[in-house]
Protein backbone atom coordinates (compact mmCIF):
# COMPACT_ATOMS: atom_id res chain seq x y z
CA MET A 1 -30.48 59.45 18.87
CA GLY A 2 -28.21 61.86 17.01
CA PHE A 3 -27.74 59.36 14.21
CA ILE A 4 -31.46 58.68 13.89
CA LYS A 5 -32.52 62.34 13.95
CA ALA A 6 -29.68 64.02 12.06
CA GLY A 7 -27.68 61.21 10.49
CA SER A 8 -24.70 62.13 12.67
CA LYS A 9 -21.93 59.61 12.10
CA ALA A 10 -19.95 61.12 14.99
CA SER A 11 -22.81 60.27 17.34
CA LEU A 12 -22.93 56.71 16.05
CA ILE A 13 -19.16 56.25 16.42
CA ALA A 14 -19.06 57.75 19.93
CA SER A 15 -21.96 55.66 21.20
CA THR A 16 -20.41 52.51 19.72
CA ILE A 17 -17.06 53.20 21.39
CA PHE A 18 -18.54 53.91 24.82
CA SER A 19 -20.94 50.99 24.72
CA ALA A 20 -18.07 48.68 23.69
CA LEU A 21 -15.94 49.99 26.59
CA LEU A 22 -18.73 49.43 29.09
CA ALA A 23 -19.38 45.96 27.66
CA LEU A 24 -15.70 45.10 28.14
CA PHE A 25 -16.03 46.10 31.80
CA ALA A 26 -19.19 43.99 32.12
CA PHE A 27 -17.45 40.92 30.67
CA ASN A 28 -14.43 41.40 32.97
CA VAL A 29 -12.01 42.11 30.14
CA PHE A 30 -11.11 45.35 31.94
CA PRO A 31 -11.06 45.50 35.74
CA ILE A 32 -14.56 46.49 36.87
CA GLN A 33 -13.26 48.85 39.56
CA TYR A 34 -12.29 51.34 36.81
CA HIS A 35 -15.71 51.54 35.15
CA TRP A 36 -16.42 54.74 37.06
CA ILE A 37 -13.87 56.63 34.92
CA VAL A 38 -15.90 56.04 31.75
CA LEU A 39 -19.18 56.76 33.53
CA LEU A 40 -17.82 59.95 35.08
CA PHE A 41 -16.69 61.16 31.66
CA LEU A 42 -20.14 60.44 30.23
CA LEU A 43 -21.82 62.18 33.18
CA VAL A 44 -19.78 65.36 32.66
CA PHE A 45 -20.31 65.23 28.90
CA PHE A 46 -24.09 64.86 29.09
CA ALA A 47 -24.44 67.32 31.98
CA MET A 48 -22.55 70.00 30.03
CA ARG A 49 -24.70 69.42 26.96
CA PHE A 50 -27.86 69.50 29.06
CA GLY A 51 -26.69 72.73 30.68
CA LYS A 52 -26.22 74.35 27.28
CA SER A 53 -29.39 73.14 25.59
CA ARG A 54 -31.79 72.79 28.55
CA LYS A 55 -33.53 70.04 26.57
CA PHE A 56 -34.34 66.97 28.60
CA MET A 57 -34.13 64.57 25.66
CA PRO A 58 -31.63 63.11 25.20
CA ASN A 59 -29.03 64.92 27.33
CA GLY A 60 -30.99 65.30 30.56
CA PHE A 61 -32.23 61.73 30.39
CA MET A 62 -28.74 60.38 29.74
CA THR A 63 -27.38 62.47 32.63
CA ILE A 64 -29.87 60.85 34.99
CA LEU A 65 -29.19 57.34 33.66
CA THR A 66 -25.43 57.80 33.94
CA LEU A 67 -25.76 59.14 37.48
CA LEU A 68 -27.89 56.12 38.41
CA ALA A 69 -25.29 53.80 36.87
CA LEU A 70 -22.59 55.46 38.97
CA LEU A 71 -24.63 55.26 42.16
CA ALA A 72 -26.11 51.78 41.59
CA PRO A 73 -23.39 49.83 43.44
CA TYR A 74 -23.81 52.04 46.50
CA LEU A 75 -27.60 52.09 46.37
CA LEU A 76 -27.85 48.33 45.91
CA GLY A 77 -25.30 47.75 48.65
CA ALA A 78 -27.32 49.88 51.05
CA LEU A 79 -30.49 47.97 50.21
CA ARG A 80 -28.84 44.63 50.94
CA ARG A 81 -27.86 45.59 54.49
């Protein structure tokens, strides 16, 4: 979003790095049990930005999505029982 709106190359580079890391976890290149470290970093990052700006898009939305991604294994596990 930062690249589209403001032409921010830093935003493009950061999103590429984090999406590549998460893809490596998804394809079992990195052990999946450590994916929470990347997601926790993203959660703190977006929550801090949302706290400063109070704008829901994109920081609030990304905070919610990251939180859901962190909780998904537990929520899905509870639904299967």
